[in-house]
Amino acid sequence: MKTQIKNSLILLLTFFIFAAPSISFDALFPASLRFPEHIKTIAVIDRSARNTKLINILEGGITGEGIGQDRFAGQKCIDGLIDQVDDNIHIRFIRTNIEMITEGKPGNMAPLLPTADLKGICLEYNADAVLSLEYFDTDRNGEFIDAKLGFRIYDLASNSVIEEYKFSKSGRINSYDNNLINIINTAVESDPVIYLSYDAGRAYGKRITPYWQRVTRTYYKKGGRDKDLAQGARMMEVNNWEAAIASFEISMERKKRKTQGRSAHNLAVVYEILSEYEKALEYSQLAWGKYENKDSKVYSDILSRRIQDVKILNEE
């Protein structure tokens, strides 16, 4: 056992010593769903409530949910959705606060929204479509909590469903109380169900609109004791991109293949940060193809996907 612990510590220390430095920045990613061009305004409603009080009461007592908690959590889910899509410049999302009670058990999709209701909501809010939370259900199981969700998007012009999407999101809770009296009073802002519900709403928001996400790229600080490569890396750390580019370009004039490959890789990272993706791909391919820097091969694939993402974003 002592030998295993010793070896683990050695491996951990080795990781921290030799791990490549990294830099993080925000990148914009396209939505998974592309709306028809005529949709400019979407009304958001909640149809997740079920007209089955007995089931809700039993579910609240057996699974550890608060009675009526799913309704409150469903609203928080919509909060997260609205917050995520609020910055969309192409489509306006309107929170209507419309809540509809439908038949069936929690966890099942609601029946399709009647055409008359679709037309009425769109007319009232001057919308082209309706986004509906069709079901929302949470369960607690020991230290874990699960949220199951279903959304539909109804297009007024075609009177059709352009998206039906179901997914689940899980999380761990720090404490669990089996006392029914305490369970009934858990529908408060600090409840982990609420945080999970909000995150679930944001997750769906990322599916239907472009979103910003923090990405991390590795780079090199050293290479054959090359001073210009090291200087360029320091310039990256203070966001002086012009000086970093100048240093790496000088470094690439060296005759050492390893140094050239690392400098080319760093240039690719800098140009990606500057949103010059074609140049970034050019240098990453150079770093791998000519100078055999292995990390740049994977990075070239990442940059190729980023270029495709940017093309999609420009079309949205």
C-alpha atoms as a PDB file:
ATOM      1  CA  MET A   1       0.000   0.000   0.000  1.00  0.00           C
ATOM      2  CA  LYS A   2       2.824   2.425   0.905  1.00  0.00           C
ATOM      3  CA  THR A   3       4.501   1.692  -2.416  1.00  0.00           C
ATOM      4  CA  GLN A   4       1.271   2.433  -4.301  1.00  0.00           C
ATOM      5  CA  ILE A   5       0.807   5.735  -2.464  1.00  0.00           C
ATOM      6  CA  LYS A   6       4.421   6.676  -3.141  1.00  0.00           C
ATOM      7  CA  ASN A   7       4.082   5.904  -6.840  1.00  0.00           C
ATOM      8  CA  SER A   8       0.835   7.906  -7.025  1.00  0.00           C
ATOM      9  CA  LEU A   9       2.495  10.929  -5.425  1.00  0.00           C
ATOM     10  CA  ILE A  10       5.389  10.681  -7.857  1.00  0.00           C
ATOM     11  CA  LEU A  11       2.989  10.585 -10.811  1.00  0.00           C
ATOM     12  CA  LEU A  12       1.039  13.556  -9.451  1.00  0.00           C
ATOM     13  CA  LEU A  13       4.227  15.568  -8.915  1.00  0.00           C
ATOM     14  CA  THR A  14       5.418  14.677 -12.410  1.00  0.00           C
ATOM     15  CA  PHE A  15       2.106  15.940 -13.836  1.00  0.00           C
ATOM     16  CA  PHE A  16       2.422  19.329 -12.171  1.00  0.00           C
ATOM     17  CA  ILE A  17       6.061  19.696 -13.221  1.00  0.00           C
ATOM     18  CA  PHE A  18       5.635  18.751 -16.863  1.00  0.00           C
ATOM     19  CA  ALA A  19       2.018  19.745 -17.548  1.00  0.00           C
ATOM     20  CA  ALA A  20       1.802  22.181 -20.430  1.00  0.00           C
ATOM     21  CA  PRO A  21       0.686  25.726 -19.562  1.00  0.00           C
ATOM     22  CA  SER A  22      -2.719  26.759 -20.840  1.00  0.00           C
ATOM     23  CA  ILE A  23      -4.667  29.878 -21.680  1.00  0.00           C
ATOM     24  CA  SER A  24      -8.451  30.306 -21.557  1.00  0.00           C
ATOM     25  CA  PHE A  25     -10.772  32.574 -23.503  1.00  0.00           C
ATOM     26  CA  ASP A  26     -14.427  32.814 -24.535  1.00  0.00           C
ATOM     27  CA  ALA A  27     -15.518  31.343 -27.862  1.00  0.00           C
ATOM     28  CA  LEU A  28     -18.900  31.600 -29.563  1.00  0.00           C
ATOM     29  CA  PHE A  29     -20.529  28.339 -30.654  1.00  0.00           C
ATOM     30  CA  PRO A  30     -23.513  27.879 -32.976  1.00  0.00           C
ATOM     31  CA  ALA A  31     -26.866  26.496 -31.898  1.00  0.00           C
ATOM     32  CA  SER A  32     -27.713  22.878 -32.629  1.00  0.00           C
ATOM     33  CA  LEU A  33     -31.145  23.927 -33.907  1.00  0.00           C
ATOM     34  CA  ARG A  34     -31.545  26.300 -36.823  1.00  0.00           C
ATOM     35  CA  PHE A  35     -34.864  28.122 -36.971  1.00  0.00           C
ATOM     36  CA  PRO A  36     -36.730  28.925 -40.190  1.00  0.00           C
ATOM     37  CA  GLU A  37     -35.934  32.437 -41.366  1.00  0.00           C
ATOM     38  CA  HIS A  38     -39.473  33.720 -40.774  1.00  0.00           C
ATOM     39  CA  ILE A  39     -39.284  33.084 -37.013  1.00  0.00           C
ATOM     40  CA  LYS A  40     -38.216  36.305 -35.321  1.00  0.00           C
ATOM     41  CA  THR A  41     -40.212  36.214 -32.070  1.00  0.00           C
ATOM     42  CA  ILE A  42     -40.949  33.226 -29.836  1.00  0.00           C
ATOM     43  CA  ALA A  43     -43.383  33.140 -26.912  1.00  0.00           C
ATOM     44  CA  VAL A  44     -42.334  30.884 -24.016  1.00  0.00           C
ATOM     45  CA  ILE A  45     -44.975  28.998 -22.008  1.00  0.00           C
ATOM     46  CA  ASP A  46     -45.129  26.256 -19.360  1.00  0.00           C
ATOM     47  CA  ARG A  47     -47.327  23.196 -19.901  1.00  0.00           C
ATOM     48  CA  SER A  48     -45.496  20.911 -17.468  1.00  0.00           C
ATOM     49  CA  ALA A  49     -48.112  21.017 -14.683  1.00  0.00           C
ATOM     50  CA  ARG A  50     -50.260  17.867 -14.462  1.00  0.00           C
ATOM     51  CA  ASN A  51     -53.867  17.634 -13.303  1.00  0.00           C
ATOM     52  CA  THR A  52     -53.169  14.696 -10.998  1.00  0.00           C
ATOM     53  CA  LYS A  53     -52.951  15.906  -7.424  1.00  0.00           C
ATOM     54  CA  LEU A  54     -52.848  12.434  -5.889  1.00  0.00           C
ATOM     55  CA  ILE A  55     -49.857  11.451  -7.992  1.00  0.00           C
ATOM     56  CA  ASN A  56     -48.078  14.648  -7.033  1.00  0.00           C
ATOM     57  CA  ILE A  57     -48.703  14.043  -3.333  1.00  0.00           C
ATOM     58  CA  LEU A  58     -47.515  10.434  -3.487  1.00  0.00           C
ATOM     59  CA  GLU A  59     -44.491  11.420  -5.510  1.00  0.00           C
ATOM     60  CA  GLY A  60     -43.619  14.139  -3.041  1.00  0.00           C
ATOM     61  CA  GLY A  61     -43.740  11.704  -0.138  1.00  0.00           C
ATOM     62  CA  ILE A  62     -41.954   8.779  -1.732  1.00  0.00           C
ATOM     63  CA  THR A  63     -39.147  10.333  -3.746  1.00  0.00           C
ATOM     64  CA  GLY A  64     -38.341  13.191  -1.401  1.00  0.00           C
ATOM     65  CA  GLU A  65     -39.638  16.005  -3.574  1.00  0.00           C
ATOM     66  CA  GLY A  66     -41.517  18.883  -2.078  1.00  0.00           C
ATOM     67  CA  ILE A  67     -45.222  18.910  -2.849  1.00  0.00           C
ATOM     68  CA  GLY A  68     -45.601  21.371  -5.716  1.00  0.00           C
ATOM     69  CA  GLN A  69     -41.835  21.639  -5.998  1.00  0.00           C
ATOM     70  CA  ASP A  70     -41.709  20.561  -9.629  1.00  0.00           C
ATOM     71  CA  ARG A  71     -43.957  23.472 -10.564  1.00  0.00           C
ATOM     72  CA  PHE A  72     -41.631  25.896  -8.796  1.00  0.00           C
ATOM     73  CA  ALA A  73     -38.551  24.176 -10.237  1.00  0.00           C
ATOM     74  CA  GLY A  74     -40.130  24.278 -13.704  1.00  0.00           C
ATOM     75  CA  GLN A  75     -40.381  28.042 -13.428  1.00  0.00           C
ATOM     76  CA  LYS A  76     -36.712  28.183 -12.473  1.00  0.00           C
ATOM     77  CA  CYS A  77     -35.951  26.057 -15.503  1.00  0.00           C
ATOM     78  CA  ILE A  78     -37.622  28.672 -17.681  1.00  0.00           C
ATOM     79  CA  ASP A  79     -35.648  31.368 -15.824  1.00  0.00           C
ATOM     80  CA  GLY A  80     -32.454  29.647 -16.904  1.00  0.00           C
ATOM     81  CA  LEU A  81     -33.692  29.292 -20.462  1.00  0.00           C
ATOM     82  CA  ILE A  82     -34.622  32.965 -20.751  1.00  0.00           C
ATOM     83  CA  ASP A  83     -31.326  34.105 -19.218  1.00  0.00           C
ATOM     84  CA  GLN A  84     -29.398  31.971 -21.707  1.00  0.00           C
ATOM     85  CA  VAL A  85     -31.216  33.159 -24.841  1.00  0.00           C
ATOM     86  CA  ASP A  86     -31.648  36.771 -23.750  1.00  0.00           C
ATOM     87  CA  ASP A  87     -28.653  38.031 -25.757  1.00  0.00           C
ATOM     88  CA  ASN A  88     -29.748  36.459 -29.031  1.00  0.00           C
ATOM     89  CA  ILE A  89     -29.685  39.192 -31.665  1.00  0.00           C
ATOM     90  CA  HIS A  90     -31.710  37.354 -34.310  1.00  0.00           C
ATOM     91  CA  ILE A  91     -34.648  35.968 -32.338  1.00  0.00           C
ATOM     92  CA  ARG A  92     -36.579  37.601 -29.523  1.00  0.00           C
ATOM     93  CA  PHE A  93     -37.848  35.323 -26.754  1.00  0.00           C
ATOM     94  CA  ILE A  94     -40.819  36.559 -24.727  1.00  0.00           C
ATOM     95  CA  ARG A  95     -41.584  35.058 -21.347  1.00  0.00           C
ATOM     96  CA  THR A  96     -45.361  34.976 -21.165  1.00  0.00           C
ATOM     97  CA  ASN A  97     -45.848  33.464 -17.678  1.00  0.00           C
ATOM     98  CA  ILE A  98     -48.575  31.303 -19.248  1.00  0.00           C
ATOM     99  CA  GLU A  99     -49.010  28.072 -17.309  1.00  0.00           C
ATOM    100  CA  MET A 100     -51.275  25.320 -18.620  1.00  0.00           C
ATOM    101  CA  ILE A 101     -52.348  22.246 -16.686  1.00  0.00           C
ATOM    102  CA  THR A 102     -52.542  19.105 -18.820  1.00  0.00           C
ATOM    103  CA  GLU A 103     -53.609  15.533 -18.205  1.00  0.00           C
ATOM    104  CA  GLY A 104     -51.215  12.657 -17.549  1.00  0.00           C
ATOM    105  CA  LYS A 105     -48.453  11.637 -15.214  1.00  0.00           C
ATOM    106  CA  PRO A 106     -45.430  13.804 -14.438  1.00  0.00           C
ATOM    107  CA  GLY A 107     -42.568  12.882 -16.741  1.00  0.00           C
ATOM    108  CA  ASN A 108     -44.734  12.345 -19.830  1.00  0.00           C
ATOM    109  CA  MET A 109     -44.968  14.772 -22.722  1.00  0.00           C
ATOM    110  CA  ALA A 110     -48.117  16.854 -22.792  1.00  0.00           C
ATOM    111  CA  PRO A 111     -50.526  16.364 -25.702  1.00  0.00           C
ATOM    112  CA  LEU A 112     -49.803  18.628 -28.659  1.00  0.00           C
ATOM    113  CA  LEU A 113     -50.782  22.240 -28.139  1.00  0.00           C
ATOM    114  CA  PRO A 114     -54.149  22.808 -29.835  1.00  0.00           C
ATOM    115  CA  THR A 115     -54.001  24.951 -32.947  1.00  0.00           C
ATOM    116  CA  ALA A 116     -56.421  27.471 -31.453  1.00  0.00           C
ATOM    117  CA  ASP A 117     -54.139  27.959 -28.447  1.00  0.00           C
ATOM    118  CA  LEU A 118     -51.082  28.313 -30.677  1.00  0.00           C
ATOM    119  CA  LYS A 119     -52.799  30.995 -32.753  1.00  0.00           C
ATOM    120  CA  GLY A 120     -54.143  32.774 -29.687  1.00  0.00           C
ATOM    121  CA  ILE A 121     -50.752  32.946 -27.937  1.00  0.00           C
ATOM    122  CA  CYS A 122     -48.960  34.123 -31.078  1.00  0.00           C
ATOM    123  CA  LEU A 123     -51.627  36.753 -31.693  1.00  0.00           C
ATOM    124  CA  GLU A 124     -51.490  38.043 -28.120  1.00  0.00           C
ATOM    125  CA  TYR A 125     -47.694  38.313 -28.042  1.00  0.00           C
ATOM    126  CA  ASN A 126     -47.137  39.081 -31.726  1.00  0.00           C
ATOM    127  CA  ALA A 127     -45.011  35.936 -31.964  1.00  0.00           C
ATOM    128  CA  ASP A 128     -44.105  33.632 -34.837  1.00  0.00           C
ATOM    129  CA  ALA A 129     -43.715  30.521 -32.696  1.00  0.00           C
ATOM    130  CA  VAL A 130     -44.309  29.091 -29.235  1.00  0.00           C
ATOM    131  CA  LEU A 131     -41.674  27.361 -27.129  1.00  0.00           C
ATOM    132  CA  SER A 132     -43.285  25.158 -24.505  1.00  0.00           C
ATOM    133  CA  LEU A 133     -41.903  23.296 -21.516  1.00  0.00           C
ATOM    134  CA  GLU A 134     -43.989  20.167 -22.080  1.00  0.00           C
ATOM    135  CA  TYR A 135     -42.900  18.178 -19.084  1.00  0.00           C
ATOM    136  CA  PHE A 136     -40.654  18.611 -16.089  1.00  0.00           C
ATOM    137  CA  ASP A 137     -40.016  16.040 -13.403  1.00  0.00           C
ATOM    138  CA  THR A 138     -37.394  15.716 -10.671  1.00  0.00           C
ATOM    139  CA  ASP A 139     -36.460  12.777  -8.476  1.00  0.00           C
ATOM    140  CA  ARG A 140     -34.148  12.496  -5.528  1.00  0.00           C
ATOM    141  CA  ASN A 141     -32.294   9.253  -4.921  1.00  0.00           C
ATOM    142  CA  GLY A 142     -29.948   9.355  -1.973  1.00  0.00           C
ATOM    143  CA  GLU A 143     -27.170  11.815  -2.775  1.00  0.00           C
ATOM    144  CA  PHE A 144     -28.296  12.346  -6.349  1.00  0.00           C
ATOM    145  CA  ILE A 145     -31.023  14.348  -8.005  1.00  0.00           C
ATOM    146  CA  ASP A 146     -32.313  13.983 -11.562  1.00  0.00           C
ATOM    147  CA  ALA A 147     -34.318  16.379 -13.688  1.00  0.00           C
ATOM    148  CA  LYS A 148     -36.168  15.138 -16.768  1.00  0.00           C
ATOM    149  CA  LEU A 149     -37.398  17.689 -19.273  1.00  0.00           C
ATOM    150  CA  GLY A 150     -39.251  17.888 -22.543  1.00  0.00           C
ATOM    151  CA  PHE A 151     -39.615  20.886 -24.857  1.00  0.00           C
ATOM    152  CA  ARG A 152     -41.526  21.543 -28.050  1.00  0.00           C
ATOM    153  CA  ILE A 153     -41.342  24.476 -30.433  1.00  0.00           C
ATOM    154  CA  TYR A 154     -44.483  25.166 -32.462  1.00  0.00           C
ATOM    155  CA  ASP A 155     -44.286  27.095 -35.729  1.00  0.00           C
ATOM    156  CA  LEU A 156     -47.371  29.213 -36.362  1.00  0.00           C
ATOM    157  CA  ALA A 157     -46.857  29.557 -40.127  1.00  0.00           C
ATOM    158  CA  SER A 158     -46.719  25.819 -40.805  1.00  0.00           C
ATOM    159  CA  ASN A 159     -48.842  24.829 -37.788  1.00  0.00           C
ATOM    160  CA  SER A 160     -46.239  22.162 -37.012  1.00  0.00           C
ATOM    161  CA  VAL A 161     -43.712  21.133 -34.374  1.00  0.00           C
ATOM    162  CA  ILE A 162     -40.219  22.068 -35.524  1.00  0.00           C
ATOM    163  CA  GLU A 163     -38.525  20.697 -32.413  1.00  0.00           C
ATOM    164  CA  GLU A 164     -39.401  18.055 -29.853  1.00  0.00           C
ATOM    165  CA  TYR A 165     -36.498  17.519 -27.504  1.00  0.00           C
ATOM    166  CA  LYS A 166     -36.261  15.452 -24.345  1.00  0.00           C
ATOM    167  CA  PHE A 167     -33.243  15.215 -22.079  1.00  0.00           C
ATOM    168  CA  SER A 168     -32.200  14.775 -18.478  1.00  0.00           C
ATOM    169  CA  LYS A 169     -29.718  16.465 -16.191  1.00  0.00           C
ATOM    170  CA  SER A 170     -28.273  15.044 -12.987  1.00  0.00           C
ATOM    171  CA  GLY A 171     -26.499  16.426  -9.944  1.00  0.00           C
ATOM    172  CA  ARG A 172     -25.380  15.511  -6.458  1.00  0.00           C
ATOM    173  CA  ILE A 173     -26.979  16.937  -3.333  1.00  0.00           C
ATOM    174  CA  ASN A 174     -25.000  17.568  -0.169  1.00  0.00           C
ATOM    175  CA  SER A 175     -27.715  16.624   2.269  1.00  0.00           C
ATOM    176  CA  TYR A 176     -30.878  14.571   2.281  1.00  0.00           C
ATOM    177  CA  ASP A 177     -33.694  14.694   4.792  1.00  0.00           C
ATOM    178  CA  ASN A 178     -36.327  11.967   4.884  1.00  0.00           C
ATOM    179  CA  ASN A 179     -38.562  13.932   7.243  1.00  0.00           C
ATOM    180  CA  LEU A 180     -41.738  14.642   5.272  1.00  0.00           C
ATOM    181  CA  ILE A 181     -42.335  17.937   7.087  1.00  0.00           C
ATOM    182  CA  ASN A 182     -38.929  19.184   6.000  1.00  0.00           C
ATOM    183  CA  ILE A 183     -39.429  17.819   2.491  1.00  0.00           C
ATOM    184  CA  ILE A 184     -42.627  19.843   2.085  1.00  0.00           C
ATOM    185  CA  ASN A 185     -40.723  23.011   2.893  1.00  0.00           C
ATOM    186  CA  THR A 186     -37.790  22.450   0.563  1.00  0.00           C
ATOM    187  CA  ALA A 187     -39.034  24.552  -2.361  1.00  0.00           C
ATOM    188  CA  VAL A 188     -36.754  27.487  -1.593  1.00  0.00           C
ATOM    189  CA  GLU A 189     -34.067  29.244  -3.555  1.00  0.00           C
ATOM    190  CA  SER A 190     -31.252  27.385  -1.795  1.00  0.00           C
ATOM    191  CA  ASP A 191     -32.591  23.938  -2.671  1.00  0.00           C
ATOM    192  CA  PRO A 192     -30.290  21.987  -5.013  1.00  0.00           C
ATOM    193  CA  VAL A 193     -33.331  21.116  -7.144  1.00  0.00           C
ATOM    194  CA  ILE A 194     -33.663  24.789  -7.997  1.00  0.00           C
ATOM    195  CA  TYR A 195     -30.033  25.132  -9.059  1.00  0.00           C
ATOM    196  CA  LEU A 196     -30.243  21.986 -11.165  1.00  0.00           C
ATOM    197  CA  SER A 197     -33.497  23.175 -12.769  1.00  0.00           C
ATOM    198  CA  TYR A 198     -31.983  26.535 -13.650  1.00  0.00           C
ATOM    199  CA  ASP A 199     -28.925  24.854 -15.196  1.00  0.00           C
ATOM    200  CA  ALA A 200     -31.174  22.516 -17.173  1.00  0.00           C
ATOM    201  CA  GLY A 201     -32.983  25.521 -18.655  1.00  0.00           C
ATOM    202  CA  ARG A 202     -29.673  27.101 -19.632  1.00  0.00           C
ATOM    203  CA  ALA A 203     -28.594  23.834 -21.215  1.00  0.00           C
ATOM    204  CA  TYR A 204     -31.608  23.863 -23.519  1.00  0.00           C
ATOM    205  CA  GLY A 205     -31.016  27.540 -24.242  1.00  0.00           C
ATOM    206  CA  LYS A 206     -27.559  26.631 -25.537  1.00  0.00           C
ATOM    207  CA  ARG A 207     -29.148  24.147 -27.891  1.00  0.00           C
ATOM    208  CA  ILE A 208     -31.405  26.654 -29.614  1.00  0.00           C
ATOM    209  CA  THR A 209     -29.267  29.816 -29.716  1.00  0.00           C
ATOM    210  CA  PRO A 210     -25.563  30.578 -30.192  1.00  0.00           C
ATOM    211  CA  TYR A 211     -23.719  30.578 -26.890  1.00  0.00           C
ATOM    212  CA  TRP A 212     -20.414  31.621 -25.361  1.00  0.00           C
ATOM    213  CA  GLN A 213     -18.280  29.001 -23.725  1.00  0.00           C
ATOM    214  CA  ARG A 214     -14.907  29.119 -22.011  1.00  0.00           C
ATOM    215  CA  VAL A 215     -12.294  27.102 -23.894  1.00  0.00           C
ATOM    216  CA  THR A 216      -8.727  26.256 -22.920  1.00  0.00           C
ATOM    217  CA  ARG A 217      -5.708  25.848 -25.194  1.00  0.00           C
ATOM    218  CA  THR A 218      -2.238  24.601 -24.289  1.00  0.00           C
ATOM    219  CA  TYR A 219       0.884  26.416 -25.444  1.00  0.00           C
ATOM    220  CA  TYR A 220       4.632  26.280 -24.896  1.00  0.00           C
ATOM    221  CA  LYS A 221       6.801  28.408 -22.655  1.00  0.00           C
ATOM    222  CA  LYS A 222      10.121  26.819 -23.521  1.00  0.00           C
ATOM    223  CA  GLY A 223      11.810  25.172 -26.475  1.00  0.00           C
ATOM    224  CA  GLY A 224      15.522  24.548 -26.786  1.00  0.00           C
ATOM    225  CA  ARG A 225      16.321  27.481 -24.482  1.00  0.00           C
ATOM    226  CA  ASP A 226      14.996  29.813 -27.131  1.00  0.00           C
ATOM    227  CA  LYS A 227      14.651  33.297 -25.646  1.00  0.00           C
ATOM    228  CA  ASP A 228      12.219  34.549 -28.266  1.00  0.00           C
ATOM    229  CA  LEU A 229       9.826  31.631 -27.696  1.00  0.00           C
ATOM    230  CA  ALA A 230       9.940  32.278 -23.958  1.00  0.00           C
ATOM    231  CA  GLN A 231       9.398  35.994 -24.503  1.00  0.00           C
ATOM    232  CA  GLY A 232       6.450  35.339 -26.781  1.00  0.00           C
ATOM    233  CA  ALA A 233       4.888  33.097 -24.147  1.00  0.00           C
ATOM    234  CA  ARG A 234       5.239  35.856 -21.544  1.00  0.00           C
ATOM    235  CA  MET A 235       3.594  38.298 -23.951  1.00  0.00           C
ATOM    236  CA  MET A 236       0.680  35.862 -24.280  1.00  0.00           C
ATOM    237  CA  GLU A 237       0.279  35.882 -20.507  1.00  0.00           C
ATOM    238  CA  VAL A 238      -0.222  39.665 -20.514  1.00  0.00           C
ATOM    239  CA  ASN A 239      -2.434  39.637 -23.655  1.00  0.00           C
ATOM    240  CA  ASN A 240       0.117  41.481 -25.776  1.00  0.00           C
ATOM    241  CA  TRP A 241      -0.685  39.581 -28.940  1.00  0.00           C
ATOM    242  CA  GLU A 242       1.274  41.769 -31.361  1.00  0.00           C
ATOM    243  CA  ALA A 243       4.486  41.348 -29.384  1.00  0.00           C
ATOM    244  CA  ALA A 244       3.833  37.630 -28.951  1.00  0.00           C
ATOM    245  CA  ILE A 245       3.438  37.166 -32.721  1.00  0.00           C
ATOM    246  CA  ALA A 246       6.658  39.063 -33.402  1.00  0.00           C
ATOM    247  CA  SER A 247       8.608  36.914 -30.932  1.00  0.00           C
ATOM    248  CA  PHE A 248       7.268  33.616 -32.260  1.00  0.00           C
ATOM    249  CA  GLU A 249       7.978  34.607 -35.868  1.00  0.00           C
ATOM    250  CA  ILE A 250      11.611  35.298 -34.925  1.00  0.00           C
ATOM    251  CA  SER A 251      11.744  32.005 -33.041  1.00  0.00           C
ATOM    252  CA  MET A 252      10.541  30.128 -36.123  1.00  0.00           C
ATOM    253  CA  GLU A 253      13.651  31.295 -37.974  1.00  0.00           C
ATOM    254  CA  ARG A 254      15.776  29.047 -35.758  1.00  0.00           C
ATOM    255  CA  LYS A 255      17.123  25.800 -37.168  1.00  0.00           C
ATOM    256  CA  LYS A 256      15.866  23.603 -34.346  1.00  0.00           C
ATOM    257  CA  ARG A 257      12.773  21.704 -35.492  1.00  0.00           C
ATOM    258  CA  LYS A 258      11.395  21.371 -31.943  1.00  0.00           C
ATOM    259  CA  THR A 259      11.578  25.111 -31.358  1.00  0.00           C
ATOM    260  CA  GLN A 260      10.020  25.887 -34.731  1.00  0.00           C
ATOM    261  CA  GLY A 261       7.157  23.475 -34.094  1.00  0.00           C
ATOM    262  CA  ARG A 262       6.381  24.932 -30.686  1.00  0.00           C
ATOM    263  CA  SER A 263       6.506  28.502 -31.948  1.00  0.00           C
ATOM    264  CA  ALA A 264       4.201  27.639 -34.851  1.00  0.00           C
ATOM    265  CA  HIS A 265       1.791  25.997 -32.410  1.00  0.00           C
ATOM    266  CA  ASN A 266       1.818  29.088 -30.182  1.00  0.00           C
ATOM    267  CA  LEU A 267       1.129  31.284 -33.201  1.00  0.00           C
ATOM    268  CA  ALA A 268      -1.897  29.150 -33.988  1.00  0.00           C
ATOM    269  CA  VAL A 269      -3.225  29.697 -30.460  1.00  0.00           C
ATOM    270  CA  VAL A 270      -2.696  33.452 -30.677  1.00  0.00           C
ATOM    271  CA  TYR A 271      -4.452  33.722 -34.033  1.00  0.00           C
ATOM    272  CA  GLU A 272      -7.403  31.696 -32.749  1.00  0.00           C
ATOM    273  CA  ILE A 273      -7.749  34.085 -29.818  1.00  0.00           C
ATOM    274  CA  LEU A 274      -7.711  36.952 -32.342  1.00  0.00           C
ATOM    275  CA  SER A 275     -10.457  35.150 -34.324  1.00  0.00           C
ATOM    276  CA  GLU A 276      -8.171  34.747 -37.345  1.00  0.00           C
ATOM    277  CA  TYR A 277      -9.070  31.102 -37.718  1.00  0.00           C
ATOM    278  CA  GLU A 278      -7.636  30.455 -41.174  1.00  0.00           C
ATOM    279  CA  LYS A 279      -4.217  31.695 -40.055  1.00  0.00           C
ATOM    280  CA  ALA A 280      -4.504  29.659 -36.880  1.00  0.00           C
ATOM    281  CA  LEU A 281      -5.198  26.519 -38.900  1.00  0.00           C
ATOM    282  CA  GLU A 282      -2.321  27.297 -41.247  1.00  0.00           C
ATOM    283  CA  TYR A 283       0.166  27.490 -38.378  1.00  0.00           C
ATOM    284  CA  SER A 284      -1.171  24.433 -36.565  1.00  0.00           C
ATOM    285  CA  GLN A 285      -0.874  22.394 -39.766  1.00  0.00           C
ATOM    286  CA  LEU A 286       2.650  23.739 -40.247  1.00  0.00           C
ATOM    287  CA  ALA A 287       3.568  22.824 -36.678  1.00  0.00           C
ATOM    288  CA  TRP A 288       2.447  19.232 -37.205  1.00  0.00           C
ATOM    289  CA  GLY A 289       3.092  18.637 -40.912  1.00  0.00           C
ATOM    290  CA  LYS A 290       6.517  20.249 -41.216  1.00  0.00           C
ATOM    291  CA  TYR A 291       7.876  20.314 -37.672  1.00  0.00           C
ATOM    292  CA  GLU A 292       6.203  17.166 -36.293  1.00  0.00           C
ATOM    293  CA  ASN A 293       4.790  18.787 -33.160  1.00  0.00           C
ATOM    294  CA  LYS A 294       2.355  16.053 -32.097  1.00  0.00           C
ATOM    295  CA  ASP A 295       0.018  18.279 -30.050  1.00  0.00           C
ATOM    296  CA  SER A 296      -0.668  20.364 -33.148  1.00  0.00           C
ATOM    297  CA  LYS A 297      -2.261  17.468 -35.019  1.00  0.00           C
ATOM    298  CA  VAL A 298      -5.212  17.340 -32.611  1.00  0.00           C
ATOM    299  CA  TYR A 299      -5.311  21.133 -32.470  1.00  0.00           C
ATOM    300  CA  SER A 300      -5.646  21.289 -36.263  1.00  0.00           C
ATOM    301  CA  ASP A 301      -8.783  19.163 -36.029  1.00  0.00           C
ATOM    302  CA  ILE A 302     -10.181  21.487 -33.354  1.00  0.00           C
ATOM    303  CA  LEU A 303      -9.501  24.528 -35.521  1.00  0.00           C
ATOM    304  CA  SER A 304     -11.125  22.926 -38.545  1.00  0.00           C
ATOM    305  CA  ARG A 305     -14.292  22.459 -36.492  1.00  0.00           C
ATOM    306  CA  ARG A 306     -14.089  26.048 -35.253  1.00  0.00           C
ATOM    307  CA  ILE A 307     -13.946  27.285 -38.841  1.00  0.00           C
ATOM    308  CA  GLN A 308     -17.081  25.312 -39.649  1.00  0.00           C
ATOM    309  CA  ASP A 309     -18.767  26.708 -36.525  1.00  0.00           C
ATOM    310  CA  VAL A 310     -17.931  30.262 -37.585  1.00  0.00           C
ATOM    311  CA  LYS A 311     -19.430  29.657 -41.025  1.00  0.00           C
ATOM    312  CA  ILE A 312     -22.647  28.452 -39.404  1.00  0.00           C
ATOM    313  CA  LEU A 313     -22.683  31.451 -37.053  1.00  0.00           C
ATOM    314  CA  ASN A 314     -22.322  33.843 -39.981  1.00  0.00           C
ATOM    315  CA  GLU A 315     -25.339  32.225 -41.639  1.00  0.00           C
ATOM    316  CA  GLU A 316     -27.570  32.423 -38.538  1.00  0.00           C
END
